[in-house]
C-alpha atoms as a PDB file:
ATOM      1  CA  MET A   1     -37.331  55.289  -0.658  1.00  0.00           C
ATOM      2  CA  ARG A   2     -39.954  55.877  -3.382  1.00  0.00           C
ATOM      3  CA  ALA A   3     -40.438  59.418  -4.649  1.00  0.00           C
ATOM      4  CA  ASP A   4     -44.112  59.239  -3.700  1.00  0.00           C
ATOM      5  CA  ALA A   5     -43.451  58.060  -0.129  1.00  0.00           C
ATOM      6  CA  PRO A   6     -45.112  60.178   2.580  1.00  0.00           C
ATOM      7  CA  GLU A   7     -42.811  62.997   3.629  1.00  0.00           C
ATOM      8  CA  HIS A   8     -43.213  62.385   7.362  1.00  0.00           C
ATOM      9  CA  LEU A   9     -41.731  58.885   7.144  1.00  0.00           C
ATOM     10  CA  HIS A  10     -38.201  60.086   6.434  1.00  0.00           C
ATOM     11  CA  GLU A  11     -36.791  63.229   8.016  1.00  0.00           C
ATOM     12  CA  TYR A  12     -33.329  62.129   6.899  1.00  0.00           C
ATOM     13  CA  LEU A  13     -32.376  60.050   3.867  1.00  0.00           C
ATOM     14  CA  THR A  14     -29.551  57.534   3.706  1.00  0.00           C
ATOM     15  CA  VAL A  15     -27.164  57.284   0.767  1.00  0.00           C
ATOM     16  CA  ALA A  16     -29.151  54.349  -0.640  1.00  0.00           C
ATOM     17  CA  GLU A  17     -32.494  56.153  -0.244  1.00  0.00           C
ATOM     18  CA  LEU A  18     -31.247  59.323  -1.920  1.00  0.00           C
ATOM     19  CA  ALA A  19     -29.667  57.306  -4.733  1.00  0.00           C
ATOM     20  CA  GLU A  20     -33.025  55.612  -5.330  1.00  0.00           C
ATOM     21  CA  LEU A  21     -34.908  58.901  -5.160  1.00  0.00           C
ATOM     22  CA  LEU A  22     -32.599  60.606  -7.685  1.00  0.00           C
ATOM     23  CA  ARG A  23     -32.093  57.440  -9.750  1.00  0.00           C
ATOM     24  CA  LEU A  24     -28.316  57.672  -9.389  1.00  0.00           C
ATOM     25  CA  LYS A  25     -25.622  55.240  -8.325  1.00  0.00           C
ATOM     26  CA  GLU A  26     -24.554  55.414  -4.685  1.00  0.00           C
ATOM     27  CA  ARG A  27     -20.995  56.326  -5.758  1.00  0.00           C
ATOM     28  CA  LYS A  28     -22.410  59.464  -7.409  1.00  0.00           C
ATOM     29  CA  ILE A  29     -24.172  60.403  -4.157  1.00  0.00           C
ATOM     30  CA  TYR A  30     -20.860  60.192  -2.277  1.00  0.00           C
ATOM     31  CA  ASP A  31     -19.249  62.402  -4.936  1.00  0.00           C
ATOM     32  CA  LEU A  32     -22.045  64.989  -4.646  1.00  0.00           C
ATOM     33  CA  ALA A  33     -21.686  65.048  -0.855  1.00  0.00           C
ATOM     34  CA  ALA A  34     -17.888  65.372  -0.974  1.00  0.00           C
ATOM     35  CA  SER A  35     -18.073  68.305  -3.398  1.00  0.00           C
ATOM     36  CA  GLY A  36     -20.743  70.104  -1.360  1.00  0.00           C
ATOM     37  CA  ALA A  37     -23.169  70.012  -4.259  1.00  0.00           C
ATOM     38  CA  VAL A  38     -25.957  68.327  -2.274  1.00  0.00           C
ATOM     39  CA  PRO A  39     -27.140  69.199   1.280  1.00  0.00           C
ATOM     40  CA  CYS A  40     -25.904  66.634   3.783  1.00  0.00           C
ATOM     41  CA  SER A  41     -24.766  66.091   7.353  1.00  0.00           C
ATOM     42  CA  ARG A  42     -22.787  63.378   9.087  1.00  0.00           C
ATOM     43  CA  ALA A  43     -23.792  61.637  12.313  1.00  0.00           C
ATOM     44  CA  THR A  44     -21.689  58.881  13.904  1.00  0.00           C
ATOM     45  CA  GLY A  45     -19.676  58.664  10.703  1.00  0.00           C
ATOM     46  CA  LYS A  46     -22.706  58.106   8.472  1.00  0.00           C
ATOM     47  CA  LEU A  47     -23.850  60.465   5.726  1.00  0.00           C
ATOM     48  CA  LEU A  48     -27.448  61.624   6.124  1.00  0.00           C
ATOM     49  CA  PHE A  49     -29.428  63.944   3.873  1.00  0.00           C
ATOM     50  CA  PRO A  50     -32.166  66.170   5.405  1.00  0.00           C
ATOM     51  CA  ALA A  51     -35.309  65.518   3.363  1.00  0.00           C
ATOM     52  CA  ARG A  52     -36.461  69.147   3.656  1.00  0.00           C
ATOM     53  CA  ASP A  53     -33.158  70.441   2.295  1.00  0.00           C
ATOM     54  CA  ILE A  54     -33.110  67.851  -0.471  1.00  0.00           C
ATOM     55  CA  ARG A  55     -36.558  68.996  -1.633  1.00  0.00           C
ATOM     56  CA  ALA A  56     -35.333  72.606  -1.660  1.00  0.00           C
ATOM     57  CA  TRP A  57     -32.183  71.569  -3.541  1.00  0.00           C
ATOM     58  CA  ILE A  58     -34.215  69.736  -6.186  1.00  0.00           C
ATOM     59  CA  ALA A  59     -36.588  72.690  -6.568  1.00  0.00           C
ATOM     60  CA  GLU A  60     -33.674  75.113  -6.907  1.00  0.00           C
ATOM     61  CA  HIS A  61     -32.203  73.063  -9.727  1.00  0.00           C
ATOM     62  CA  SER A  62     -35.508  72.520 -11.524  1.00  0.00           C
ATOM     63  CA  THR A  63     -36.426  74.330 -14.734  1.00  0.00           C
ATOM     64  CA  GLY A  64     -39.769  75.846 -15.621  1.00  0.00           C
ATOM     65  CA  THR A  65     -40.547  76.993 -12.064  1.00  0.00           C
ATOM     66  CA  SER A  66     -41.924  80.421 -11.306  1.00  0.00           C
ATOM     67  CA  GLY A  67     -42.288  82.669  -8.325  1.00  0.00           C
ATOM     68  CA  VAL A  68     -39.932  84.743  -6.205  1.00  0.00           C
ATOM     69  CA  PRO A  69     -37.554  82.802  -3.903  1.00  0.00           C
ATOM     70  CA  ALA A  70     -38.201  83.152  -0.196  1.00  0.00           C
ATOM     71  CA  PRO A  71     -35.841  85.562   1.592  1.00  0.00           C
ATOM     72  CA  ARG A  72     -32.752  83.874   2.951  1.00  0.00           C
ATOM     73  CA  PRO A  73     -32.107  83.947   6.702  1.00  0.00           C
ATOM     74  CA  LYS A  74     -29.487  86.560   7.626  1.00  0.00           C
ATOM     75  CA  VAL A  75     -26.976  83.867   8.572  1.00  0.00           C
ATOM     76  CA  LEU A  76     -23.313  83.529   7.652  1.00  0.00           C
ATOM     77  CA  LEU A  77     -22.548  79.834   7.088  1.00  0.00           C
ATOM     78  CA  GLY A  78     -19.516  77.700   6.373  1.00  0.00           C
ATOM     79  CA  SER A  79     -15.995  77.608   7.716  1.00  0.00           C
ATOM     80  CA  HIS A  80     -14.865  79.221  10.930  1.00  0.00           C
ATOM     81  CA  ASP A  81     -12.230  81.937  10.722  1.00  0.00           C
ATOM     82  CA  PRO A  82     -11.147  83.984  13.760  1.00  0.00           C
ATOM     83  CA  LEU A  83     -10.687  87.209  11.781  1.00  0.00           C
ATOM     84  CA  LEU A  84     -14.052  86.872  10.033  1.00  0.00           C
ATOM     85  CA  ASP A  85     -15.723  86.079  13.353  1.00  0.00           C
ATOM     86  CA  TRP A  86     -14.213  89.276  14.772  1.00  0.00           C
ATOM     87  CA  ALA A  87     -15.265  91.322  11.722  1.00  0.00           C
ATOM     88  CA  VAL A  88     -18.903  90.197  12.016  1.00  0.00           C
ATOM     89  CA  ARG A  89     -19.014  91.382  15.618  1.00  0.00           C
ATOM     90  CA  GLU A  90     -16.958  94.542  15.166  1.00  0.00           C
ATOM     91  CA  SER A  91     -18.869  95.708  12.071  1.00  0.00           C
ATOM     92  CA  ARG A  92     -22.209  95.449  13.928  1.00  0.00           C
ATOM     93  CA  CYS A  93     -23.685  94.111  10.686  1.00  0.00           C
ATOM     94  CA  GLY A  94     -26.359  92.076  12.469  1.00  0.00           C
ATOM     95  CA  LEU A  95     -25.609  88.762  10.755  1.00  0.00           C
ATOM     96  CA  ALA A  96     -25.890  85.575  12.760  1.00  0.00           C
ATOM     97  CA  THR A  97     -23.259  82.858  12.271  1.00  0.00           C
ATOM     98  CA  TYR A  98     -23.427  79.085  11.913  1.00  0.00           C
ATOM     99  CA  PHE A  99     -19.925  77.758  11.321  1.00  0.00           C
ATOM    100  CA  ASP A 100     -19.732  74.006  10.751  1.00  0.00           C
ATOM    101  CA  GLY A 101     -17.311  73.564   7.885  1.00  0.00           C
ATOM    102  CA  SER A 102     -16.871  74.682   4.282  1.00  0.00           C
ATOM    103  CA  LEU A 103     -18.743  71.839   2.570  1.00  0.00           C
ATOM    104  CA  ASP A 104     -21.537  71.904   5.143  1.00  0.00           C
ATOM    105  CA  GLY A 105     -21.832  75.642   4.542  1.00  0.00           C
ATOM    106  CA  VAL A 106     -21.954  75.306   0.757  1.00  0.00           C
ATOM    107  CA  ALA A 107     -24.678  72.662   1.040  1.00  0.00           C
ATOM    108  CA  ARG A 108     -26.710  74.875   3.363  1.00  0.00           C
ATOM    109  CA  PHE A 109     -26.164  77.893   1.119  1.00  0.00           C
ATOM    110  CA  LEU A 110     -27.471  75.970  -1.891  1.00  0.00           C
ATOM    111  CA  ALA A 111     -30.509  75.022   0.212  1.00  0.00           C
ATOM    112  CA  GLY A 112     -31.183  78.709   0.966  1.00  0.00           C
ATOM    113  CA  GLU A 113     -30.301  78.538   4.669  1.00  0.00           C
ATOM    114  CA  GLY A 114     -28.073  81.608   4.726  1.00  0.00           C
ATOM    115  CA  VAL A 115     -26.987  84.719   2.843  1.00  0.00           C
ATOM    116  CA  ALA A 116     -23.284  83.889   2.677  1.00  0.00           C
ATOM    117  CA  CYS A 117     -20.777  81.114   3.228  1.00  0.00           C
ATOM    118  CA  GLY A 118     -17.091  81.182   4.156  1.00  0.00           C
ATOM    119  CA  LEU A 119     -15.004  78.446   2.569  1.00  0.00           C
ATOM    120  CA  HIS A 120     -11.487  77.188   1.825  1.00  0.00           C
ATOM    121  CA  VAL A 121     -11.764  74.146  -0.453  1.00  0.00           C
ATOM    122  CA  TYR A 122      -8.826  73.132  -2.635  1.00  0.00           C
ATOM    123  CA  ASP A 123      -9.465  71.471  -5.994  1.00  0.00           C
ATOM    124  CA  ALA A 124      -6.495  69.398  -7.126  1.00  0.00           C
ATOM    125  CA  ALA A 125      -7.714  69.196 -10.737  1.00  0.00           C
ATOM    126  CA  SER A 126      -7.707  72.969 -11.259  1.00  0.00           C
ATOM    127  CA  GLN A 127      -5.103  73.675  -8.532  1.00  0.00           C
ATOM    128  CA  ASP A 128      -7.330  76.505  -7.345  1.00  0.00           C
ATOM    129  CA  TRP A 129      -9.348  77.338  -4.282  1.00  0.00           C
ATOM    130  CA  ASN A 130     -13.139  77.380  -3.900  1.00  0.00           C
ATOM    131  CA  LEU A 131     -14.210  77.877  -7.531  1.00  0.00           C
ATOM    132  CA  ALA A 132     -15.067  74.214  -8.108  1.00  0.00           C
ATOM    133  CA  ALA A 133     -16.893  74.023  -4.773  1.00  0.00           C
ATOM    134  CA  VAL A 134     -19.287  76.863  -5.680  1.00  0.00           C
ATOM    135  CA  ALA A 135     -19.873  75.901  -9.318  1.00  0.00           C
ATOM    136  CA  GLN A 136     -23.444  74.741  -8.557  1.00  0.00           C
ATOM    137  CA  ALA A 137     -24.443  78.105  -7.057  1.00  0.00           C
ATOM    138  CA  SER A 138     -26.568  80.550  -9.029  1.00  0.00           C
ATOM    139  CA  ASP A 139     -27.256  84.253  -8.517  1.00  0.00           C
ATOM    140  CA  ALA A 140     -24.207  84.440  -6.276  1.00  0.00           C
ATOM    141  CA  VAL A 141     -20.799  86.089  -6.119  1.00  0.00           C
ATOM    142  CA  LEU A 142     -17.509  84.851  -4.650  1.00  0.00           C
ATOM    143  CA  ILE A 143     -15.333  87.523  -3.078  1.00  0.00           C
ATOM    144  CA  GLY A 144     -11.906  87.244  -1.513  1.00  0.00           C
ATOM    145  CA  PHE A 145     -11.468  87.538   2.229  1.00  0.00           C
ATOM    146  CA  ALA A 146      -7.979  86.425   3.257  1.00  0.00           C
ATOM    147  CA  GLY A 147      -5.001  84.246   2.600  1.00  0.00           C
ATOM    148  CA  ARG A 148      -4.164  82.126   5.650  1.00  0.00           C
ATOM    149  CA  ARG A 149      -1.026  80.227   6.669  1.00  0.00           C
ATOM    150  CA  ARG A 150      -1.819  76.647   7.684  1.00  0.00           C
ATOM    151  CA  GLY A 151       0.327  73.920   9.135  1.00  0.00           C
ATOM    152  CA  LEU A 152       0.906  71.669  12.123  1.00  0.00           C
ATOM    153  CA  VAL A 153       0.179  73.097  15.571  1.00  0.00           C
ATOM    154  CA  LEU A 154       2.041  71.257  18.324  1.00  0.00           C
ATOM    155  CA  HIS A 155       2.299  71.369  22.085  1.00  0.00           C
ATOM    156  CA  PRO A 156       5.783  72.399  23.271  1.00  0.00           C
ATOM    157  CA  ASP A 157       6.181  68.982  24.937  1.00  0.00           C
ATOM    158  CA  ALA A 158       5.254  67.046  21.770  1.00  0.00           C
ATOM    159  CA  PRO A 159       7.950  65.199  19.796  1.00  0.00           C
ATOM    160  CA  GLN A 160       9.775  67.061  17.047  1.00  0.00           C
ATOM    161  CA  VAL A 161       7.731  67.118  13.834  1.00  0.00           C
ATOM    162  CA  ALA A 162       8.797  68.512  10.472  1.00  0.00           C
ATOM    163  CA  ALA A 163       6.296  66.933   8.059  1.00  0.00           C
ATOM    164  CA  LEU A 164       3.062  64.946   7.937  1.00  0.00           C
ATOM    165  CA  GLU A 165       4.990  61.672   7.853  1.00  0.00           C
ATOM    166  CA  ASP A 166       6.140  62.375  11.427  1.00  0.00           C
ATOM    167  CA  LEU A 167       2.596  62.273  12.862  1.00  0.00           C
ATOM    168  CA  ALA A 168       2.396  58.478  13.141  1.00  0.00           C
ATOM    169  CA  GLY A 169       1.810  57.497  16.753  1.00  0.00           C
ATOM    170  CA  LEU A 170       0.846  61.001  17.899  1.00  0.00           C
ATOM    171  CA  ARG A 171      -2.515  62.143  19.281  1.00  0.00           C
ATOM    172  CA  PHE A 172      -4.163  64.174  16.537  1.00  0.00           C
ATOM    173  CA  ALA A 173      -7.154  66.533  16.986  1.00  0.00           C
ATOM    174  CA  PRO A 174      -9.281  66.081  13.802  1.00  0.00           C
ATOM    175  CA  ARG A 175     -11.918  68.365  12.309  1.00  0.00           C
ATOM    176  CA  GLN A 176     -15.427  67.369  11.202  1.00  0.00           C
ATOM    177  CA  PRO A 177     -15.512  65.473   7.857  1.00  0.00           C
ATOM    178  CA  LEU A 178     -17.333  68.234   5.904  1.00  0.00           C
ATOM    179  CA  SER A 179     -14.859  70.949   6.888  1.00  0.00           C
ATOM    180  CA  GLY A 180     -12.393  72.332   4.385  1.00  0.00           C
ATOM    181  CA  THR A 181      -9.604  71.586   6.853  1.00  0.00           C
ATOM    182  CA  ALA A 182     -10.462  67.878   7.053  1.00  0.00           C
ATOM    183  CA  THR A 183     -10.793  67.641   3.269  1.00  0.00           C
ATOM    184  CA  LEU A 184      -7.421  69.294   2.740  1.00  0.00           C
ATOM    185  CA  PHE A 185      -5.743  67.150   5.405  1.00  0.00           C
ATOM    186  CA  ARG A 186      -7.032  63.998   3.703  1.00  0.00           C
ATOM    187  CA  GLN A 187      -5.556  65.159   0.401  1.00  0.00           C
ATOM    188  CA  LEU A 188      -2.174  65.944   1.945  1.00  0.00           C
ATOM    189  CA  SER A 189      -2.014  62.820   4.122  1.00  0.00           C
ATOM    190  CA  ASP A 190      -2.885  60.622   1.128  1.00  0.00           C
ATOM    191  CA  ALA A 191      -0.042  62.209  -0.835  1.00  0.00           C
ATOM    192  CA  ALA A 192       2.295  61.651   2.128  1.00  0.00           C
ATOM    193  CA  ARG A 193       0.996  58.080   2.555  1.00  0.00           C
ATOM    194  CA  LEU A 194       0.039  58.822   6.150  1.00  0.00           C
ATOM    195  CA  ALA A 195      -2.669  56.363   7.164  1.00  0.00           C
ATOM    196  CA  GLU A 196      -5.382  57.713   9.440  1.00  0.00           C
ATOM    197  CA  ASP A 197      -5.124  54.678  11.715  1.00  0.00           C
ATOM    198  CA  SER A 198      -1.432  55.401  12.277  1.00  0.00           C
ATOM    199  CA  MET A 199      -2.466  58.358  14.465  1.00  0.00           C
ATOM    200  CA  ILE A 200      -4.444  58.408  17.691  1.00  0.00           C
ATOM    201  CA  LEU A 201      -7.515  60.511  16.904  1.00  0.00           C
ATOM    202  CA  THR A 202      -8.962  62.601  19.731  1.00  0.00           C
ATOM    203  CA  GLN A 203     -12.435  64.162  19.900  1.00  0.00           C
ATOM    204  CA  VAL A 204     -13.528  65.992  16.739  1.00  0.00           C
ATOM    205  CA  ALA A 205     -13.055  69.784  16.933  1.00  0.00           C
ATOM    206  CA  ARG A 206     -15.652  71.826  15.063  1.00  0.00           C
ATOM    207  CA  THR A 207     -13.776  75.148  14.772  1.00  0.00           C
ATOM    208  CA  GLU A 208     -10.204  76.274  14.166  1.00  0.00           C
ATOM    209  CA  THR A 209     -10.005  77.532  17.739  1.00  0.00           C
ATOM    210  CA  GLU A 210     -11.353  74.313  19.293  1.00  0.00           C
ATOM    211  CA  ALA A 211      -8.759  72.233  17.440  1.00  0.00           C
ATOM    212  CA  VAL A 212      -5.867  74.315  18.767  1.00  0.00           C
ATOM    213  CA  GLN A 213      -7.408  74.456  22.239  1.00  0.00           C
ATOM    214  CA  ALA A 214      -7.259  70.644  22.335  1.00  0.00           C
ATOM    215  CA  VAL A 215      -3.500  70.882  21.830  1.00  0.00           C
ATOM    216  CA  ALA A 216      -3.139  73.688  24.398  1.00  0.00           C
ATOM    217  CA  ARG A 217      -5.012  71.573  26.978  1.00  0.00           C
ATOM    218  CA  ARG A 218      -2.746  68.596  26.166  1.00  0.00           C
ATOM    219  CA  GLU A 219      -5.687  66.547  24.994  1.00  0.00           C
ATOM    220  CA  ALA A 220      -3.828  66.174  21.684  1.00  0.00           C
ATOM    221  CA  ASP A 221      -0.210  66.445  20.602  1.00  0.00           C
ATOM    222  CA  VAL A 222      -0.913  68.073  17.258  1.00  0.00           C
ATOM    223  CA  THR A 223      -3.595  69.386  14.911  1.00  0.00           C
ATOM    224  CA  PHE A 224      -3.742  70.755  11.361  1.00  0.00           C
ATOM    225  CA  GLY A 225      -4.462  74.372  12.129  1.00  0.00           C
ATOM    226  CA  LEU A 226      -3.907  78.056  11.499  1.00  0.00           C
ATOM    227  CA  GLU A 227      -0.810  79.996  12.443  1.00  0.00           C
ATOM    228  CA  THR A 228      -2.898  82.837  13.849  1.00  0.00           C
ATOM    229  CA  VAL A 229      -4.573  80.553  16.410  1.00  0.00           C
ATOM    230  CA  ALA A 230      -1.286  78.833  17.288  1.00  0.00           C
ATOM    231  CA  ARG A 231       0.158  82.275  18.075  1.00  0.00           C
ATOM    232  CA  ASP A 232      -2.763  83.064  20.387  1.00  0.00           C
ATOM    233  CA  PHE A 233      -1.962  80.010  22.517  1.00  0.00           C
ATOM    234  CA  GLY A 234       1.837  80.240  22.313  1.00  0.00           C
ATOM    235  CA  LEU A 235       2.139  76.865  20.582  1.00  0.00           C
ATOM    236  CA  ARG A 236       4.719  75.548  18.115  1.00  0.00           C
ATOM    237  CA  PHE A 237       3.794  75.963  14.461  1.00  0.00           C
ATOM    238  CA  VAL A 238       5.201  74.131  11.434  1.00  0.00           C
ATOM    239  CA  PRO A 239       4.018  75.927   8.258  1.00  0.00           C
ATOM    240  CA  LEU A 240       2.908  73.681   5.401  1.00  0.00           C
ATOM    241  CA  MET A 241       0.976  75.913   3.015  1.00  0.00           C
ATOM    242  CA  ASP A 242      -0.873  79.143   2.289  1.00  0.00           C
ATOM    243  CA  GLU A 243      -4.586  78.793   1.569  1.00  0.00           C
ATOM    244  CA  ARG A 244      -7.360  81.050   0.268  1.00  0.00           C
ATOM    245  CA  PHE A 245     -10.469  81.823   2.320  1.00  0.00           C
ATOM    246  CA  ASP A 246     -13.354  83.332   0.342  1.00  0.00           C
ATOM    247  CA  LEU A 247     -16.968  84.366   0.893  1.00  0.00           C
ATOM    248  CA  LEU A 248     -19.813  83.065  -1.297  1.00  0.00           C
ATOM    249  CA  ILE A 249     -22.641  85.618  -1.151  1.00  0.00           C
ATOM    250  CA  ASP A 250     -26.194  85.523  -2.478  1.00  0.00           C
ATOM    251  CA  ARG A 251     -26.574  88.201  -5.142  1.00  0.00           C
ATOM    252  CA  ARG A 252     -29.751  89.725  -3.688  1.00  0.00           C
ATOM    253  CA  ALA A 253     -28.368  89.689  -0.143  1.00  0.00           C
ATOM    254  CA  TYR A 254     -25.112  91.275  -1.363  1.00  0.00           C
ATOM    255  CA  PHE A 255     -26.876  94.626  -1.695  1.00  0.00           C
ATOM    256  CA  ASP A 256     -28.816  94.408   1.577  1.00  0.00           C
ATOM    257  CA  PRO A 257     -27.617  96.608   4.482  1.00  0.00           C
ATOM    258  CA  PRO A 258     -26.201  93.784   6.699  1.00  0.00           C
ATOM    259  CA  MET A 259     -23.958  92.372   3.987  1.00  0.00           C
ATOM    260  CA  GLN A 260     -22.948  95.784   2.663  1.00  0.00           C
ATOM    261  CA  GLN A 261     -21.998  96.847   6.180  1.00  0.00           C
ATOM    262  CA  LEU A 262     -19.781  93.775   6.581  1.00  0.00           C
ATOM    263  CA  ILE A 263     -18.159  94.165   3.138  1.00  0.00           C
ATOM    264  CA  GLN A 264     -17.424  97.857   3.673  1.00  0.00           C
ATOM    265  CA  PHE A 265     -15.917  97.088   7.060  1.00  0.00           C
ATOM    266  CA  CYS A 266     -13.702  94.397   5.498  1.00  0.00           C
ATOM    267  CA  ALA A 267     -12.459  96.884   2.910  1.00  0.00           C
ATOM    268  CA  GLY A 268     -11.447  99.352   5.631  1.00  0.00           C
ATOM    269  CA  SER A 269      -8.313  99.814   7.702  1.00  0.00           C
ATOM    270  CA  ALA A 270      -9.634  98.253  10.919  1.00  0.00           C
ATOM    271  CA  LEU A 271      -9.578  94.739   9.457  1.00  0.00           C
ATOM    272  CA  ARG A 272      -6.009  95.158   8.192  1.00  0.00           C
ATOM    273  CA  LEU A 273      -4.827  96.360  11.584  1.00  0.00           C
ATOM    274  CA  GLN A 274      -6.474  93.415  13.315  1.00  0.00           C
ATOM    275  CA  ALA A 275      -4.996  90.971  10.783  1.00  0.00           C
ATOM    276  CA  ALA A 276      -1.528  92.386  11.445  1.00  0.00           C
ATOM    277  CA  ARG A 277      -2.024  92.003  15.192  1.00  0.00           C
ATOM    278  CA  LEU A 278      -3.204  88.398  14.837  1.00  0.00           C
ATOM    279  CA  GLY A 279      -0.579  87.336  12.279  1.00  0.00           C
ATOM    280  CA  GLY A 280      -0.812  84.543   9.722  1.00  0.00           C
ATOM    281  CA  TYR A 281      -3.059  86.494   7.309  1.00  0.00           C
ATOM    282  CA  ASP A 282      -2.670  88.111   3.885  1.00  0.00           C
ATOM    283  CA  LEU A 283      -5.437  90.545   2.947  1.00  0.00           C
ATOM    284  CA  GLY A 284      -4.214  91.337  -0.553  1.00  0.00           C
ATOM    285  CA  ASP A 285      -7.478  90.166  -2.168  1.00  0.00           C
ATOM    286  CA  VAL A 286      -9.973  91.202   0.499  1.00  0.00           C
ATOM    287  CA  ALA A 287     -13.383  92.323  -0.886  1.00  0.00           C
ATOM    288  CA  THR A 288     -12.340  91.631  -4.508  1.00  0.00           C
ATOM    289  CA  VAL A 289     -14.689  89.669  -6.794  1.00  0.00           C
ATOM    290  CA  ARG A 290     -13.282  86.265  -7.834  1.00  0.00           C
ATOM    291  CA  TRP A 291     -16.333  84.736  -9.493  1.00  0.00           C
ATOM    292  CA  ASN A 292     -19.808  85.854 -10.498  1.00  0.00           C
ATOM    293  CA  ALA A 293     -22.739  83.588 -11.379  1.00  0.00           C
END
C-alpha cells in the first residue's frame, strides 16, 4: 500500500501493506505486534492493522505536532480479571470495559481508545512483568493491582497432570493470541518443548472465566487459568506460577473522577475482603506506582 493511497480503499492493513507504509521489514512488523507497540487485531489467524488506529499511532509518535489531544473514551481496556471486573462494578466509577487481552489493550491504549489498560505480560529479557510492554506509552502511569496464582485448571475426570509436558493428547481451551495468558503459555510451552499440535485445541476463550467454563462444561480437559476461577467452579488446579497484574493509566485521566473513584476503592478494605473470599490473589502492591512516563 502506498502512503498516498486513498484512505477508503483499506480499512485494515496486512503485514505486507503496513511494512511498505512504514518502510520496515515484515519481521519488524511481527515484532511490533507481539510487543503490543502497534495497534493490531487478529482474524482467522491473520494479523490485521486497523488503518484508523495506525494513523493515530503514527500521529502520537510524531514530533513537531501541536494541539491538545482529544479526550479518551472512559473505557478500561486490556486483560480480563474477575476481581477487577467486580471492583469496576462495585465502585460505581462509571467506566465501561472492553477486555480482549493484554496486548490488544496496550495497542488500543496507545491509539487513545481508553483511559486505562489491565495487563500481565512477562518479559523474559528483564524477568519482569509489564514494564517492557508499556515502554512506548507516554503521559501514563503504571500502578499495581494484584498478584495472581496461575496454573493448569482441569476437570475432575481428566487424566492426572503435574506439568505442561503432560498435556499432550488432551483437549486444551486456548486464549486469543494477543492475550497475556496466550503469550505466557507460548513461552512456557516452548521451554517445556510442548508442541501446540500435540494438544487438541478447542474453541478460543476470550476471558479467564470463559476458559475455565469450557473445562467445567467438559468441552475441554484443561486450560491455563487462574486459581480463583478454578475455585469458583470446583475444578482441580495445578499451580505453576505467580504473576503480576497491573493497570496502565493515562496521566490526565488518572485525576478524573471515574479513575480516582476506582483507585480509591481499590485502596480500601472492600477489595481486600473480596480478594480473600475469592482466593488466589495477593494485594500487597495494590494502588502503588510501578512506573511513570
